[in-house]
Amino acid sequence: MTEELFLVEEATRKSGLVWVRGTGPARALWHVWHDGAAHVVGDGPGEQPLPGLADGATAEVTVRSKDKGGRIVSWTAAVRQLAPGSEEWDAAVAELKGKRLNAPDGEAMPERWARECRVLRLDPRAATTELPDGSLAAVPLPSPATTRRPVPAGLPKLLFRRKRKG
C-alpha cells in the first residue's frame, strides 16, 4: 500500500463524516470504511440523500479531522452501487448497520435498505494532500430544516420569573 493510500484509509476510517461531491455540490455523508473503501447508504426515506453519485461515475471525497474538523486529505473515488443480496452488499450492510444512529426500524433496517435505498462503495483512486489556495466555504444547501422561529410569547415570563419568598 502506498503512503498516499495509507493516509486516505487511516483518515477516512477515523472520520465519521466525509464530504462527497459527484456531479452536484459536495454533501456531508456518514460512512463506514470496510474492505479498502468507504461505503455509504442513502436515497431512501429517512436516509441521507446521495444526489450526483451514480454507479460507474467518479466522486471527490474530502476527509476532515475528527478532532478539529479541518481538511486532512481529498481523494478521487470510483463509485460503484452494490447489488442487494450479494455477498459484498451483505458485508457492507453489516458494517453500516452497526454505525447507523437512531434507525426507526432496528433489525429490519437491512431489508428496508435492500428495497428502498442504495448502498454505494467509494473506491480510492488517487489522493491529494496539498491544501487548496482558496476557501472551500460554500453557501448552505436549501433544506426544510430550520432553527429560526419566533420566540413563543410565554417564554420570557418562564425564563425571567422570580421566585417568591415564602
N, C-alpha and C. Protein backbone atom coordinates (compact mmCIF):
# COMPACT_ATOMS: atom_id res chain seq x y z
N MET A 1 0.85 -1.18 0.00
CA MET A 1 0.00 0.00 0.00
C MET A 1 0.90 1.24 0.00
N THR A 2 0.61 2.17 -0.88
CA THR A 2 1.42 3.37 -0.95
C THR A 2 1.13 4.26 0.26
N GLU A 3 2.05 5.15 0.52
CA GLU A 3 1.89 6.08 1.65
C GLU A 3 0.65 6.94 1.49
N GLU A 4 0.38 7.33 0.25
CA GLU A 4 -0.79 8.16 -0.04
C GLU A 4 -2.09 7.42 0.28
N LEU A 5 -2.21 6.16 -0.15
CA LEU A 5 -3.42 5.39 0.12
C LEU A 5 -3.53 5.02 1.60
N PHE A 6 -2.39 4.87 2.27
CA PHE A 6 -2.41 4.63 3.72
C PHE A 6 -3.03 5.83 4.43
N LEU A 7 -2.64 7.05 4.02
CA LEU A 7 -3.21 8.27 4.60
C LEU A 7 -4.71 8.33 4.34
N VAL A 8 -5.13 8.02 3.13
CA VAL A 8 -6.56 8.01 2.78
C VAL A 8 -7.32 7.05 3.68
N GLU A 9 -6.82 5.83 3.81
CA GLU A 9 -7.51 4.83 4.62
C GLU A 9 -7.57 5.23 6.09
N GLU A 10 -6.45 5.63 6.67
CA GLU A 10 -6.43 5.98 8.09
C GLU A 10 -7.31 7.20 8.39
N ALA A 11 -7.21 8.23 7.57
CA ALA A 11 -8.01 9.43 7.81
C ALA A 11 -9.49 9.15 7.64
N THR A 12 -9.85 8.41 6.60
CA THR A 12 -11.27 8.12 6.34
C THR A 12 -11.83 7.19 7.39
N ARG A 13 -11.06 6.22 7.82
CA ARG A 13 -11.52 5.28 8.85
C ARG A 13 -11.83 6.00 10.16
N LYS A 14 -11.01 6.98 10.52
CA LYS A 14 -11.18 7.68 11.80
C LYS A 14 -12.25 8.77 11.76
N SER A 15 -12.56 9.26 10.58
CA SER A 15 -13.55 10.33 10.46
C SER A 15 -14.93 9.72 10.28
N GLY A 16 -15.89 10.17 11.04
CA GLY A 16 -17.25 9.66 10.92
C GLY A 16 -18.03 10.34 9.81
N LEU A 17 -17.45 11.40 9.24
CA LEU A 17 -18.15 12.20 8.24
C LEU A 17 -17.18 12.57 7.14
N VAL A 18 -17.61 12.43 5.89
CA VAL A 18 -16.80 12.85 4.75
C VAL A 18 -17.65 13.75 3.87
N TRP A 19 -17.00 14.63 3.13
CA TRP A 19 -17.69 15.49 2.16
C TRP A 19 -17.49 14.85 0.80
N VAL A 20 -18.60 14.58 0.10
CA VAL A 20 -18.54 13.89 -1.18
C VAL A 20 -19.20 14.75 -2.25
N ARG A 21 -18.47 14.96 -3.36
CA ARG A 21 -19.03 15.72 -4.48
C ARG A 21 -19.00 14.84 -5.72
N GLY A 22 -20.20 14.59 -6.25
CA GLY A 22 -20.33 13.87 -7.52
C GLY A 22 -20.50 14.91 -8.61
N THR A 23 -21.68 14.93 -9.24
CA THR A 23 -21.94 15.91 -10.29
C THR A 23 -22.53 17.20 -9.73
N GLY A 24 -22.96 17.20 -8.49
CA GLY A 24 -23.55 18.39 -7.87
C GLY A 24 -22.65 18.94 -6.78
N PRO A 25 -23.25 19.71 -5.88
CA PRO A 25 -22.45 20.26 -4.77
C PRO A 25 -22.04 19.17 -3.79
N ALA A 26 -20.99 19.45 -3.02
CA ALA A 26 -20.50 18.49 -2.02
C ALA A 26 -21.51 18.37 -0.89
N ARG A 27 -21.65 17.16 -0.38
CA ARG A 27 -22.55 16.88 0.74
C ARG A 27 -21.79 16.13 1.82
N ALA A 28 -22.14 16.42 3.06
CA ALA A 28 -21.58 15.69 4.19
C ALA A 28 -22.32 14.37 4.31
N LEU A 29 -21.58 13.27 4.35
CA LEU A 29 -22.19 11.94 4.43
C LEU A 29 -21.53 11.12 5.53
N TRP A 30 -22.33 10.40 6.30
CA TRP A 30 -21.74 9.45 7.23
C TRP A 30 -21.42 8.19 6.43
N HIS A 31 -20.45 7.46 6.88
CA HIS A 31 -19.95 6.32 6.12
C HIS A 31 -19.29 5.33 7.05
N VAL A 32 -18.90 4.20 6.50
CA VAL A 32 -18.00 3.26 7.19
C VAL A 32 -16.90 2.89 6.21
N TRP A 33 -15.73 2.61 6.75
CA TRP A 33 -14.63 2.12 5.93
C TRP A 33 -14.61 0.61 6.09
N HIS A 34 -14.72 -0.10 4.98
CA HIS A 34 -14.75 -1.56 5.02
C HIS A 34 -14.10 -2.11 3.76
N ASP A 35 -13.23 -3.07 3.91
CA ASP A 35 -12.63 -3.78 2.80
C ASP A 35 -11.97 -2.83 1.78
N GLY A 36 -11.24 -1.83 2.29
CA GLY A 36 -10.47 -0.95 1.42
C GLY A 36 -11.23 0.15 0.72
N ALA A 37 -12.46 0.46 1.19
CA ALA A 37 -13.25 1.52 0.55
C ALA A 37 -14.24 2.10 1.55
N ALA A 38 -14.71 3.31 1.25
CA ALA A 38 -15.78 3.93 2.05
C ALA A 38 -17.11 3.44 1.50
N HIS A 39 -18.05 3.17 2.39
CA HIS A 39 -19.38 2.73 1.99
C HIS A 39 -20.40 3.70 2.58
N VAL A 40 -21.39 4.08 1.76
CA VAL A 40 -22.46 4.97 2.21
C VAL A 40 -23.79 4.35 1.82
N VAL A 41 -24.82 4.70 2.58
CA VAL A 41 -26.18 4.24 2.26
C VAL A 41 -27.07 5.47 2.26
N GLY A 42 -28.04 5.49 1.33
CA GLY A 42 -28.95 6.63 1.28
C GLY A 42 -29.95 6.54 0.16
N ASP A 43 -30.56 7.69 -0.11
CA ASP A 43 -31.58 7.87 -1.15
C ASP A 43 -32.88 7.15 -0.85
N GLY A 44 -33.12 6.84 0.41
CA GLY A 44 -34.39 6.23 0.79
C GLY A 44 -35.04 7.06 1.87
N PRO A 45 -36.28 6.76 2.22
CA PRO A 45 -36.97 7.50 3.28
C PRO A 45 -36.20 7.45 4.59
N GLY A 46 -35.93 8.60 5.16
CA GLY A 46 -35.23 8.69 6.43
C GLY A 46 -33.73 8.52 6.34
N GLU A 47 -33.19 8.41 5.14
CA GLU A 47 -31.75 8.23 4.97
C GLU A 47 -31.16 9.45 4.28
N GLN A 48 -29.85 9.55 4.30
CA GLN A 48 -29.17 10.70 3.71
C GLN A 48 -29.32 10.70 2.19
N PRO A 49 -29.44 11.89 1.59
CA PRO A 49 -29.52 11.95 0.13
C PRO A 49 -28.15 11.72 -0.51
N LEU A 50 -28.15 11.09 -1.67
CA LEU A 50 -26.91 10.82 -2.40
C LEU A 50 -27.00 11.36 -3.83
N PRO A 51 -27.37 12.64 -4.01
CA PRO A 51 -27.51 13.16 -5.37
C PRO A 51 -26.15 13.31 -6.05
N GLY A 52 -26.13 13.07 -7.34
CA GLY A 52 -24.90 13.24 -8.09
C GLY A 52 -23.94 12.08 -7.98
N LEU A 53 -24.30 11.03 -7.26
CA LEU A 53 -23.44 9.85 -7.14
C LEU A 53 -24.09 8.71 -7.92
N ALA A 54 -23.49 8.39 -9.06
CA ALA A 54 -24.05 7.37 -9.93
C ALA A 54 -23.09 6.20 -10.06
N ASP A 55 -23.65 5.03 -10.27
CA ASP A 55 -22.85 3.83 -10.48
C ASP A 55 -21.94 4.02 -11.69
N GLY A 56 -20.66 3.78 -11.51
CA GLY A 56 -19.69 3.91 -12.59
C GLY A 56 -19.08 5.29 -12.73
N ALA A 57 -19.54 6.25 -11.96
CA ALA A 57 -19.01 7.62 -12.03
C ALA A 57 -17.84 7.77 -11.06
N THR A 58 -17.30 8.97 -11.00
CA THR A 58 -16.26 9.28 -10.02
C THR A 58 -16.78 10.37 -9.09
N ALA A 59 -16.18 10.47 -7.94
CA ALA A 59 -16.56 11.49 -6.96
C ALA A 59 -15.30 11.98 -6.27
N GLU A 60 -15.37 13.19 -5.75
CA GLU A 60 -14.28 13.77 -4.98
C GLU A 60 -14.66 13.68 -3.50
N VAL A 61 -13.83 13.03 -2.70
CA VAL A 61 -14.10 12.83 -1.28
C VAL A 61 -13.10 13.67 -0.49
N THR A 62 -13.61 14.49 0.43
CA THR A 62 -12.77 15.28 1.31
C THR A 62 -12.96 14.78 2.73
N VAL A 63 -11.86 14.45 3.38
CA VAL A 63 -11.90 13.90 4.73
C VAL A 63 -11.49 14.98 5.71
N ARG A 64 -12.26 15.10 6.77
CA ARG A 64 -11.98 16.10 7.79
C ARG A 64 -11.41 15.43 9.03
N SER A 65 -10.76 16.23 9.84
CA SER A 65 -10.23 15.75 11.11
C SER A 65 -11.37 15.58 12.10
N LYS A 66 -11.40 14.48 12.80
CA LYS A 66 -12.45 14.25 13.79
C LYS A 66 -12.31 15.23 14.96
N ASP A 67 -11.08 15.60 15.29
CA ASP A 67 -10.83 16.50 16.42
C ASP A 67 -11.08 17.96 16.09
N LYS A 68 -10.47 18.44 15.03
CA LYS A 68 -10.51 19.87 14.70
C LYS A 68 -11.51 20.22 13.60
N GLY A 69 -11.95 19.24 12.83
CA GLY A 69 -12.90 19.50 11.75
C GLY A 69 -12.27 20.02 10.48
N GLY A 70 -10.95 20.23 10.46
CA GLY A 70 -10.27 20.74 9.27
C GLY A 70 -10.00 19.64 8.26
N ARG A 71 -9.73 20.05 7.03
CA ARG A 71 -9.48 19.11 5.94
C ARG A 71 -8.13 18.43 6.13
N ILE A 72 -8.12 17.09 5.98
CA ILE A 72 -6.88 16.32 6.08
C ILE A 72 -6.40 15.92 4.69
N VAL A 73 -7.29 15.32 3.93
CA VAL A 73 -6.92 14.81 2.61
C VAL A 73 -8.16 14.77 1.72
N SER A 74 -7.96 14.90 0.42
CA SER A 74 -9.02 14.69 -0.57
C SER A 74 -8.59 13.57 -1.48
N TRP A 75 -9.56 12.79 -1.92
CA TRP A 75 -9.24 11.69 -2.82
C TRP A 75 -10.35 11.48 -3.83
N THR A 76 -9.94 10.96 -4.98
CA THR A 76 -10.89 10.66 -6.04
C THR A 76 -11.36 9.22 -5.85
N ALA A 77 -12.67 9.03 -5.96
CA ALA A 77 -13.24 7.72 -5.75
C ALA A 77 -13.99 7.24 -6.98
N ALA A 78 -13.89 5.95 -7.24
CA ALA A 78 -14.74 5.30 -8.24
C ALA A 78 -15.99 4.85 -7.51
N VAL A 79 -17.16 5.27 -7.99
CA VAL A 79 -18.43 4.96 -7.33
C VAL A 79 -19.00 3.68 -7.94
N ARG A 80 -19.39 2.76 -7.06
CA ARG A 80 -20.00 1.52 -7.52
C ARG A 80 -21.17 1.18 -6.62
N GLN A 81 -22.34 0.95 -7.21
CA GLN A 81 -23.51 0.56 -6.43
C GLN A 81 -23.48 -0.94 -6.22
N LEU A 82 -23.68 -1.35 -4.95
CA LEU A 82 -23.66 -2.77 -4.62
C LEU A 82 -25.05 -3.36 -4.81
N ALA A 83 -25.11 -4.55 -5.35
CA ALA A 83 -26.39 -5.23 -5.60
C ALA A 83 -26.91 -5.83 -4.31
N PRO A 84 -28.17 -5.50 -3.94
CA PRO A 84 -28.75 -6.08 -2.72
C PRO A 84 -28.72 -7.60 -2.76
N GLY A 85 -28.34 -8.17 -1.63
CA GLY A 85 -28.29 -9.63 -1.52
C GLY A 85 -26.97 -10.24 -1.92
N SER A 86 -26.09 -9.47 -2.57
CA SER A 86 -24.79 -10.02 -2.94
C SER A 86 -23.93 -10.16 -1.68
N GLU A 87 -22.90 -10.97 -1.76
CA GLU A 87 -22.01 -11.18 -0.62
C GLU A 87 -21.36 -9.86 -0.20
N GLU A 88 -20.95 -9.06 -1.18
CA GLU A 88 -20.31 -7.77 -0.90
C GLU A 88 -21.30 -6.80 -0.24
N TRP A 89 -22.54 -6.81 -0.71
CA TRP A 89 -23.59 -5.96 -0.14
C TRP A 89 -23.86 -6.36 1.31
N ASP A 90 -23.99 -7.65 1.56
CA ASP A 90 -24.26 -8.14 2.92
C ASP A 90 -23.15 -7.72 3.89
N ALA A 91 -21.90 -7.84 3.46
CA ALA A 91 -20.78 -7.47 4.33
C ALA A 91 -20.78 -5.97 4.61
N ALA A 92 -21.01 -5.16 3.58
CA ALA A 92 -21.03 -3.70 3.76
C ALA A 92 -22.20 -3.28 4.65
N VAL A 93 -23.37 -3.88 4.44
CA VAL A 93 -24.55 -3.52 5.23
C VAL A 93 -24.37 -3.92 6.70
N ALA A 94 -23.70 -5.03 6.95
CA ALA A 94 -23.43 -5.42 8.34
C ALA A 94 -22.60 -4.35 9.05
N GLU A 95 -21.63 -3.77 8.35
CA GLU A 95 -20.82 -2.69 8.92
C GLU A 95 -21.64 -1.40 9.07
N LEU A 96 -22.39 -1.05 8.03
CA LEU A 96 -23.19 0.17 8.06
C LEU A 96 -24.26 0.12 9.16
N LYS A 97 -24.87 -1.04 9.32
CA LYS A 97 -25.92 -1.20 10.32
C LYS A 97 -25.41 -0.90 11.73
N GLY A 98 -24.18 -1.30 12.00
CA GLY A 98 -23.60 -1.05 13.32
C GLY A 98 -23.32 0.42 13.59
N LYS A 99 -23.19 1.22 12.55
CA LYS A 99 -22.89 2.65 12.71
C LYS A 99 -24.10 3.55 12.55
N ARG A 100 -25.22 3.02 12.06
CA ARG A 100 -26.42 3.84 11.82
C ARG A 100 -27.05 4.23 13.14
N LEU A 101 -27.16 5.53 13.39
CA LEU A 101 -27.74 6.04 14.62
C LEU A 101 -29.22 6.31 14.45
N ASN A 102 -29.99 6.07 15.48
CA ASN A 102 -31.41 6.40 15.53
C ASN A 102 -32.22 5.81 14.38
N ALA A 103 -31.96 4.59 14.04
CA ALA A 103 -32.72 3.94 12.97
C ALA A 103 -34.14 3.66 13.45
N PRO A 104 -35.14 3.99 12.64
CA PRO A 104 -36.52 3.81 13.08
C PRO A 104 -36.96 2.35 13.13
N ASP A 105 -36.26 1.47 12.39
CA ASP A 105 -36.74 0.09 12.27
C ASP A 105 -35.79 -0.98 12.80
N GLY A 106 -34.71 -0.61 13.44
CA GLY A 106 -33.81 -1.55 14.09
C GLY A 106 -33.35 -2.71 13.24
N GLU A 107 -33.73 -3.92 13.62
CA GLU A 107 -33.27 -5.14 12.94
C GLU A 107 -33.81 -5.26 11.52
N ALA A 108 -34.90 -4.59 11.19
CA ALA A 108 -35.49 -4.67 9.84
C ALA A 108 -34.80 -3.71 8.87
N MET A 109 -33.84 -2.96 9.34
CA MET A 109 -33.16 -1.95 8.52
C MET A 109 -32.54 -2.52 7.24
N PRO A 110 -31.81 -3.64 7.27
CA PRO A 110 -31.23 -4.16 6.03
C PRO A 110 -32.27 -4.48 4.95
N GLU A 111 -33.42 -5.01 5.34
CA GLU A 111 -34.47 -5.30 4.37
C GLU A 111 -35.01 -4.02 3.74
N ARG A 112 -35.16 -2.98 4.56
CA ARG A 112 -35.62 -1.68 4.03
C ARG A 112 -34.58 -1.09 3.09
N TRP A 113 -33.30 -1.19 3.46
CA TRP A 113 -32.24 -0.68 2.59
C TRP A 113 -32.25 -1.43 1.26
N ALA A 114 -32.48 -2.73 1.28
CA ALA A 114 -32.50 -3.52 0.04
C ALA A 114 -33.65 -3.07 -0.86
N ARG A 115 -34.80 -2.75 -0.27
CA ARG A 115 -35.98 -2.35 -1.05
C ARG A 115 -35.91 -0.90 -1.52
N GLU A 116 -35.48 0.02 -0.63
CA GLU A 116 -35.70 1.44 -0.88
C GLU A 116 -34.46 2.30 -1.01
N CYS A 117 -33.29 1.78 -0.72
CA CYS A 117 -32.07 2.61 -0.67
C CYS A 117 -31.00 2.10 -1.62
N ARG A 118 -29.95 2.90 -1.72
CA ARG A 118 -28.76 2.49 -2.48
C ARG A 118 -27.59 2.40 -1.51
N VAL A 119 -26.78 1.36 -1.67
CA VAL A 119 -25.54 1.23 -0.92
C VAL A 119 -24.42 1.40 -1.94
N LEU A 120 -23.57 2.41 -1.72
CA LEU A 120 -22.51 2.72 -2.66
C LEU A 120 -21.15 2.44 -2.04
N ARG A 121 -20.26 1.94 -2.88
CA ARG A 121 -18.87 1.71 -2.49
C ARG A 121 -18.03 2.78 -3.19
N LEU A 122 -17.22 3.50 -2.41
CA LEU A 122 -16.35 4.55 -2.94
C LEU A 122 -14.91 4.05 -2.85
N ASP A 123 -14.38 3.56 -3.98
CA ASP A 123 -13.03 3.02 -4.03
C ASP A 123 -12.02 4.13 -4.28
N PRO A 124 -10.99 4.27 -3.44
CA PRO A 124 -9.98 5.31 -3.66
C PRO A 124 -9.17 5.05 -4.92
N ARG A 125 -8.97 6.10 -5.71
CA ARG A 125 -8.17 6.01 -6.93
C ARG A 125 -6.92 6.87 -6.84
N ALA A 126 -7.05 8.08 -6.35
CA ALA A 126 -5.90 8.99 -6.25
C ALA A 126 -6.15 9.94 -5.09
N ALA A 127 -5.08 10.41 -4.47
CA ALA A 127 -5.21 11.31 -3.32
C ALA A 127 -4.41 12.57 -3.55
N THR A 128 -4.90 13.66 -2.97
CA THR A 128 -4.16 14.92 -2.97
C THR A 128 -4.03 15.36 -1.52
N THR A 129 -2.83 15.65 -1.12
CA THR A 129 -2.59 16.08 0.24
C THR A 129 -2.31 17.58 0.33
N GLU A 130 -2.19 18.25 -0.83
CA GLU A 130 -1.92 19.68 -0.80
C GLU A 130 -3.19 20.42 -0.38
N LEU A 131 -3.01 21.44 0.43
CA LEU A 131 -4.15 22.26 0.83
C LEU A 131 -4.51 23.22 -0.29
N PRO A 132 -5.78 23.53 -0.48
CA PRO A 132 -6.18 24.44 -1.56
C PRO A 132 -5.74 25.87 -1.25
N ASP A 133 -5.59 26.67 -2.31
CA ASP A 133 -5.19 28.07 -2.14
C ASP A 133 -6.32 28.89 -1.52
N GLY A 134 -7.53 28.69 -1.98
CA GLY A 134 -8.65 29.50 -1.52
C GLY A 134 -9.52 28.75 -0.51
N SER A 135 -10.57 29.42 -0.11
CA SER A 135 -11.50 28.83 0.84
C SER A 135 -12.39 27.80 0.14
N LEU A 136 -12.78 26.78 0.85
CA LEU A 136 -13.71 25.79 0.33
C LEU A 136 -15.12 26.04 0.86
N ALA A 137 -15.31 27.19 1.50
CA ALA A 137 -16.62 27.52 2.06
C ALA A 137 -17.64 27.64 0.94
N ALA A 138 -18.86 27.20 1.22
CA ALA A 138 -19.94 27.25 0.24
C ALA A 138 -21.23 27.66 0.93
N VAL A 139 -22.13 28.18 0.16
CA VAL A 139 -23.44 28.55 0.68
C VAL A 139 -24.17 27.27 1.07
N PRO A 140 -24.83 27.24 2.23
CA PRO A 140 -25.55 26.03 2.64
C PRO A 140 -26.61 25.65 1.61
N LEU A 141 -26.81 24.35 1.44
CA LEU A 141 -27.81 23.85 0.51
C LEU A 141 -29.21 24.10 1.07
N PRO A 142 -30.19 24.32 0.21
CA PRO A 142 -31.56 24.53 0.70
C PRO A 142 -32.05 23.31 1.47
N SER A 143 -32.79 23.57 2.54
CA SER A 143 -33.28 22.48 3.37
C SER A 143 -34.54 22.93 4.10
N PRO A 144 -35.48 22.01 4.35
CA PRO A 144 -36.66 22.38 5.13
C PRO A 144 -36.34 22.51 6.62
N ALA A 145 -35.16 22.03 7.03
CA ALA A 145 -34.77 22.12 8.44
C ALA A 145 -34.42 23.56 8.78
N THR A 146 -34.89 24.00 9.93
CA THR A 146 -34.59 25.37 10.36
C THR A 146 -34.58 25.44 11.88
N THR A 147 -33.83 26.38 12.39
CA THR A 147 -33.84 26.61 13.83
C THR A 147 -34.32 28.02 14.15
N ARG A 148 -34.57 28.82 13.14
CA ARG A 148 -35.01 30.18 13.37
C ARG A 148 -36.52 30.28 13.32
N ARG A 149 -37.11 30.45 14.46
CA ARG A 149 -38.56 30.61 14.59
C ARG A 149 -38.81 31.68 15.64
N PRO A 150 -39.97 32.32 15.59
CA PRO A 150 -40.26 33.33 16.61
C PRO A 150 -40.26 32.72 18.02
N VAL A 151 -39.83 33.51 18.97
CA VAL A 151 -39.82 33.08 20.36
C VAL A 151 -41.27 33.00 20.85
N PRO A 152 -41.67 31.88 21.48
CA PRO A 152 -43.03 31.79 22.00
C PRO A 152 -43.31 32.91 22.99
N ALA A 153 -44.52 33.43 22.96
CA ALA A 153 -44.89 34.59 23.77
C ALA A 153 -44.66 34.36 25.27
N GLY A 154 -44.91 33.18 25.77
CA GLY A 154 -44.79 32.92 27.20
C GLY A 154 -43.38 32.61 27.67
N LEU A 155 -42.43 32.43 26.77
CA LEU A 155 -41.08 32.03 27.14
C LEU A 155 -40.36 33.05 28.03
N PRO A 156 -40.39 34.36 27.71
CA PRO A 156 -39.70 35.31 28.60
C PRO A 156 -40.23 35.27 30.03
N LYS A 157 -41.53 35.09 30.20
CA LYS A 157 -42.10 35.01 31.55
C LYS A 157 -41.56 33.80 32.29
N LEU A 158 -41.44 32.67 31.59
CA LEU A 158 -40.93 31.46 32.23
C LEU A 158 -39.45 31.59 32.59
N LEU A 159 -38.68 32.23 31.71
CA LEU A 159 -37.24 32.34 31.94
C LEU A 159 -36.90 33.34 33.02
N PHE A 160 -37.64 34.42 33.08
CA PHE A 160 -37.27 35.50 33.98
C PHE A 160 -38.19 35.62 35.19
N ARG A 161 -38.98 34.62 35.46
CA ARG A 161 -39.88 34.64 36.61
C ARG A 161 -39.07 34.58 37.89
N ARG A 162 -39.39 35.43 38.81
CA ARG A 162 -38.69 35.46 40.10
C ARG A 162 -39.40 34.53 41.08
N LYS A 163 -38.62 33.88 41.86
CA LYS A 163 -39.20 33.01 42.88
C LYS A 163 -39.67 33.86 44.04
N ARG A 164 -40.83 33.56 44.52
CA ARG A 164 -41.37 34.30 45.66
C ARG A 164 -40.80 33.76 46.96
N LYS A 165 -40.55 34.68 47.84
CA LYS A 165 -40.06 34.26 49.15
C LYS A 165 -41.25 33.90 50.01
N GLY A 166 -41.20 32.77 50.63
CA GLY A 166 -42.33 32.27 51.39
C GLY A 166 -42.18 32.53 52.79
